Amino acid sequence: MIGIGLLVLQQLSGVNGILFYAGSIFKAADITNSNLATFRLGVVQVIATGVTTWLSDKLVDGFFSLLVSSFSSQLLLGMLTPLC
């Protein structure tokens, strides 16, 4: 039940909308090559998924710790995304 709730909250957080409209968002931000920026966003997502999967397996013990580490990594990478 907790997993379903987390998935619903993820859908409602707007992350999918940002990813779907990433090209348009980058164009509106006057980024010269919005396709390259969108590609870099995808690369960051893949790397972040790999790192968080490894961290959750090696370093994190317990459900609450997993949530905190996931939130922290999403926050950090979300703040770094505009720098790409």
N, C-alpha and C. Protein backbone atom coordinates (compact mmCIF):
# COMPACT_ATOMS: atom_id res chain seq x y z
N MET A 1 0.82 -1.19 0.00
CA MET A 1 0.00 0.00 0.00
C MET A 1 0.87 1.27 0.00
N ILE A 2 1.99 1.22 0.74
CA ILE A 2 2.89 2.38 0.78
C ILE A 2 3.49 2.61 -0.60
N GLY A 3 3.86 1.53 -1.28
CA GLY A 3 4.43 1.65 -2.61
C GLY A 3 3.48 2.30 -3.59
N ILE A 4 2.22 1.92 -3.53
CA ILE A 4 1.22 2.52 -4.42
C ILE A 4 1.07 4.00 -4.11
N GLY A 5 1.05 4.33 -2.82
CA GLY A 5 0.95 5.73 -2.43
C GLY A 5 2.12 6.55 -2.94
N LEU A 6 3.32 5.99 -2.86
CA LEU A 6 4.50 6.70 -3.36
C LEU A 6 4.44 6.91 -4.87
N LEU A 7 3.95 5.89 -5.59
CA LEU A 7 3.82 6.03 -7.04
C LEU A 7 2.80 7.09 -7.40
N VAL A 8 1.70 7.14 -6.67
CA VAL A 8 0.68 8.17 -6.93
C VAL A 8 1.25 9.55 -6.66
N LEU A 9 1.98 9.70 -5.56
CA LEU A 9 2.58 11.00 -5.25
C LEU A 9 3.60 11.41 -6.30
N GLN A 10 4.32 10.45 -6.84
CA GLN A 10 5.29 10.76 -7.90
C GLN A 10 4.56 11.29 -9.13
N GLN A 11 3.45 10.66 -9.48
CA GLN A 11 2.70 11.11 -10.64
C GLN A 11 2.13 12.51 -10.44
N LEU A 12 1.71 12.81 -9.21
CA LEU A 12 1.11 14.10 -8.91
C LEU A 12 2.14 15.21 -8.71
N SER A 13 3.41 14.83 -8.58
CA SER A 13 4.44 15.84 -8.31
C SER A 13 4.82 16.65 -9.54
N GLY A 14 4.44 16.22 -10.71
CA GLY A 14 4.73 16.98 -11.92
C GLY A 14 6.00 16.58 -12.62
N VAL A 15 6.69 15.57 -12.13
CA VAL A 15 7.95 15.16 -12.74
C VAL A 15 7.72 14.69 -14.18
N ASN A 16 6.67 13.92 -14.40
CA ASN A 16 6.41 13.42 -15.75
C ASN A 16 6.08 14.56 -16.71
N GLY A 17 5.37 15.57 -16.24
CA GLY A 17 5.08 16.72 -17.09
C GLY A 17 6.34 17.47 -17.49
N ILE A 18 7.23 17.62 -16.55
CA ILE A 18 8.50 18.30 -16.85
C ILE A 18 9.30 17.50 -17.87
N LEU A 19 9.35 16.19 -17.69
CA LEU A 19 10.11 15.35 -18.62
C LEU A 19 9.46 15.32 -20.00
N PHE A 20 8.13 15.29 -20.04
CA PHE A 20 7.43 15.24 -21.33
C PHE A 20 7.66 16.53 -22.11
N TYR A 21 7.63 17.65 -21.42
CA TYR A 21 7.77 18.95 -22.07
C TYR A 21 9.18 19.52 -21.95
N ALA A 22 10.17 18.68 -21.68
CA ALA A 22 11.54 19.16 -21.47
C ALA A 22 12.06 19.95 -22.67
N GLY A 23 11.81 19.48 -23.86
CA GLY A 23 12.27 20.20 -25.06
C GLY A 23 11.67 21.59 -25.14
N SER A 24 10.37 21.69 -24.90
CA SER A 24 9.70 22.99 -24.94
C SER A 24 10.19 23.90 -23.82
N ILE A 25 10.42 23.33 -22.65
CA ILE A 25 10.91 24.11 -21.52
C ILE A 25 12.30 24.67 -21.83
N PHE A 26 13.16 23.84 -22.40
CA PHE A 26 14.50 24.31 -22.74
C PHE A 26 14.47 25.36 -23.85
N LYS A 27 13.55 25.20 -24.82
CA LYS A 27 13.42 26.22 -25.87
C LYS A 27 12.95 27.54 -25.28
N ALA A 28 11.98 27.47 -24.37
CA ALA A 28 11.47 28.69 -23.74
C ALA A 28 12.53 29.37 -22.87
N ALA A 29 13.49 28.60 -22.39
CA ALA A 29 14.57 29.15 -21.58
C ALA A 29 15.72 29.66 -22.45
N ASP A 30 15.50 29.71 -23.76
CA ASP A 30 16.49 30.19 -24.73
C ASP A 30 17.78 29.39 -24.72
N ILE A 31 17.66 28.09 -24.52
CA ILE A 31 18.82 27.21 -24.65
C ILE A 31 18.97 26.91 -26.13
N THR A 32 20.16 27.12 -26.66
CA THR A 32 20.36 27.05 -28.10
C THR A 32 20.07 25.67 -28.68
N ASN A 33 20.48 24.64 -28.00
CA ASN A 33 20.26 23.28 -28.50
C ASN A 33 19.41 22.51 -27.48
N SER A 34 18.10 22.65 -27.61
CA SER A 34 17.20 22.03 -26.63
C SER A 34 17.22 20.50 -26.73
N ASN A 35 17.50 19.96 -27.92
CA ASN A 35 17.57 18.51 -28.04
C ASN A 35 18.75 17.95 -27.26
N LEU A 36 19.87 18.63 -27.31
CA LEU A 36 21.04 18.20 -26.54
C LEU A 36 20.78 18.31 -25.05
N ALA A 37 20.11 19.38 -24.63
CA ALA A 37 19.78 19.54 -23.22
C ALA A 37 18.83 18.43 -22.75
N THR A 38 17.87 18.07 -23.59
CA THR A 38 16.94 16.99 -23.24
C THR A 38 17.68 15.66 -23.16
N PHE A 39 18.62 15.44 -24.07
CA PHE A 39 19.43 14.24 -24.03
C PHE A 39 20.25 14.18 -22.74
N ARG A 40 20.83 15.30 -22.37
CA ARG A 40 21.62 15.35 -21.13
C ARG A 40 20.74 15.08 -19.91
N LEU A 41 19.52 15.57 -19.94
CA LEU A 41 18.58 15.30 -18.86
C LEU A 41 18.33 13.79 -18.74
N GLY A 42 18.17 13.12 -19.87
CA GLY A 42 17.99 11.67 -19.85
C GLY A 42 19.22 10.95 -19.32
N VAL A 43 20.39 11.42 -19.70
CA VAL A 43 21.64 10.82 -19.22
C VAL A 43 21.74 10.97 -17.70
N VAL A 44 21.40 12.15 -17.20
CA VAL A 44 21.43 12.38 -15.75
C VAL A 44 20.45 11.44 -15.05
N GLN A 45 19.29 11.23 -15.64
CA GLN A 45 18.32 10.32 -15.04
C GLN A 45 18.84 8.89 -14.98
N VAL A 46 19.46 8.44 -16.05
CA VAL A 46 19.98 7.07 -16.08
C VAL A 46 21.10 6.91 -15.05
N ILE A 47 22.00 7.87 -14.99
CA ILE A 47 23.09 7.81 -14.02
C ILE A 47 22.54 7.85 -12.60
N ALA A 48 21.59 8.74 -12.36
CA ALA A 48 21.00 8.84 -11.02
C ALA A 48 20.30 7.55 -10.62
N THR A 49 19.64 6.91 -11.56
CA THR A 49 18.98 5.64 -11.26
C THR A 49 20.00 4.58 -10.88
N GLY A 50 21.10 4.51 -11.64
CA GLY A 50 22.14 3.53 -11.33
C GLY A 50 22.80 3.79 -9.98
N VAL A 51 23.10 5.04 -9.71
CA VAL A 51 23.76 5.38 -8.44
C VAL A 51 22.84 5.10 -7.26
N THR A 52 21.58 5.53 -7.35
CA THR A 52 20.67 5.31 -6.23
C THR A 52 20.36 3.83 -6.04
N THR A 53 20.32 3.07 -7.11
CA THR A 53 20.13 1.62 -6.96
C THR A 53 21.31 1.00 -6.23
N TRP A 54 22.52 1.40 -6.62
CA TRP A 54 23.70 0.87 -5.96
C TRP A 54 23.74 1.31 -4.50
N LEU A 55 23.45 2.59 -4.25
CA LEU A 55 23.47 3.08 -2.88
C LEU A 55 22.42 2.40 -2.01
N SER A 56 21.25 2.18 -2.56
CA SER A 56 20.20 1.54 -1.76
C SER A 56 20.57 0.11 -1.42
N ASP A 57 21.34 -0.52 -2.28
CA ASP A 57 21.75 -1.90 -2.02
C ASP A 57 22.92 -1.97 -1.04
N LYS A 58 23.86 -1.05 -1.15
CA LYS A 58 25.09 -1.12 -0.36
C LYS A 58 25.05 -0.32 0.94
N LEU A 59 24.50 0.88 0.89
CA LEU A 59 24.65 1.79 2.02
C LEU A 59 23.40 1.98 2.87
N VAL A 60 22.26 1.77 2.29
CA VAL A 60 21.01 2.12 2.98
C VAL A 60 20.43 0.88 3.65
N ASP A 61 20.05 1.06 4.91
CA ASP A 61 19.38 -0.03 5.61
C ASP A 61 18.08 0.50 6.19
N GLY A 62 17.00 -0.06 5.77
CA GLY A 62 15.70 0.36 6.26
C GLY A 62 14.95 1.22 5.26
N PHE A 63 13.64 1.18 5.38
CA PHE A 63 12.77 1.87 4.43
C PHE A 63 12.89 3.38 4.54
N PHE A 64 12.90 3.90 5.77
CA PHE A 64 12.97 5.35 5.96
C PHE A 64 14.28 5.91 5.40
N SER A 65 15.36 5.22 5.63
CA SER A 65 16.65 5.66 5.10
C SER A 65 16.65 5.69 3.58
N LEU A 66 15.98 4.72 2.98
CA LEU A 66 15.88 4.68 1.52
C LEU A 66 15.11 5.89 1.01
N LEU A 67 14.02 6.24 1.68
CA LEU A 67 13.24 7.41 1.26
C LEU A 67 14.05 8.70 1.40
N VAL A 68 14.76 8.83 2.50
CA VAL A 68 15.55 10.04 2.73
C VAL A 68 16.67 10.15 1.69
N SER A 69 17.36 9.05 1.42
CA SER A 69 18.44 9.10 0.45
C SER A 69 17.91 9.36 -0.96
N SER A 70 16.76 8.79 -1.29
CA SER A 70 16.17 9.03 -2.61
C SER A 70 15.77 10.49 -2.77
N PHE A 71 15.13 11.03 -1.75
CA PHE A 71 14.72 12.43 -1.81
C PHE A 71 15.93 13.35 -1.93
N SER A 72 16.96 13.06 -1.17
CA SER A 72 18.17 13.90 -1.19
C SER A 72 18.83 13.88 -2.57
N SER A 73 18.93 12.70 -3.16
CA SER A 73 19.57 12.61 -4.48
C SER A 73 18.72 13.28 -5.54
N GLN A 74 17.39 13.14 -5.46
CA GLN A 74 16.52 13.82 -6.42
C GLN A 74 16.62 15.32 -6.29
N LEU A 75 16.68 15.80 -5.06
CA LEU A 75 16.80 17.23 -4.84
C LEU A 75 18.11 17.77 -5.40
N LEU A 76 19.20 17.09 -5.11
CA LEU A 76 20.51 17.52 -5.60
C LEU A 76 20.57 17.52 -7.12
N LEU A 77 20.15 16.42 -7.73
CA LEU A 77 20.22 16.32 -9.19
C LEU A 77 19.22 17.25 -9.86
N GLY A 78 18.09 17.49 -9.21
CA GLY A 78 17.13 18.46 -9.74
C GLY A 78 17.69 19.86 -9.75
N MET A 79 18.49 20.18 -8.75
CA MET A 79 19.11 21.50 -8.70
C MET A 79 20.27 21.61 -9.70
N LEU A 80 20.90 20.50 -10.03
CA LEU A 80 22.01 20.51 -10.98
C LEU A 80 21.54 20.45 -12.44
N THR A 81 20.31 20.03 -12.67
CA THR A 81 19.80 19.86 -14.03
C THR A 81 19.88 21.14 -14.87
N PRO A 82 19.52 22.29 -14.33
CA PRO A 82 19.62 23.51 -15.17
C PRO A 82 21.04 23.86 -15.59
N LEU A 83 22.03 23.30 -14.92
CA LEU A 83 23.41 23.61 -15.24
C LEU A 83 23.92 22.83 -16.46
N CYS A 84 23.16 21.86 -16.91
CA CYS A 84 23.60 21.03 -18.05
C CYS A 84 23.64 21.80 -19.34
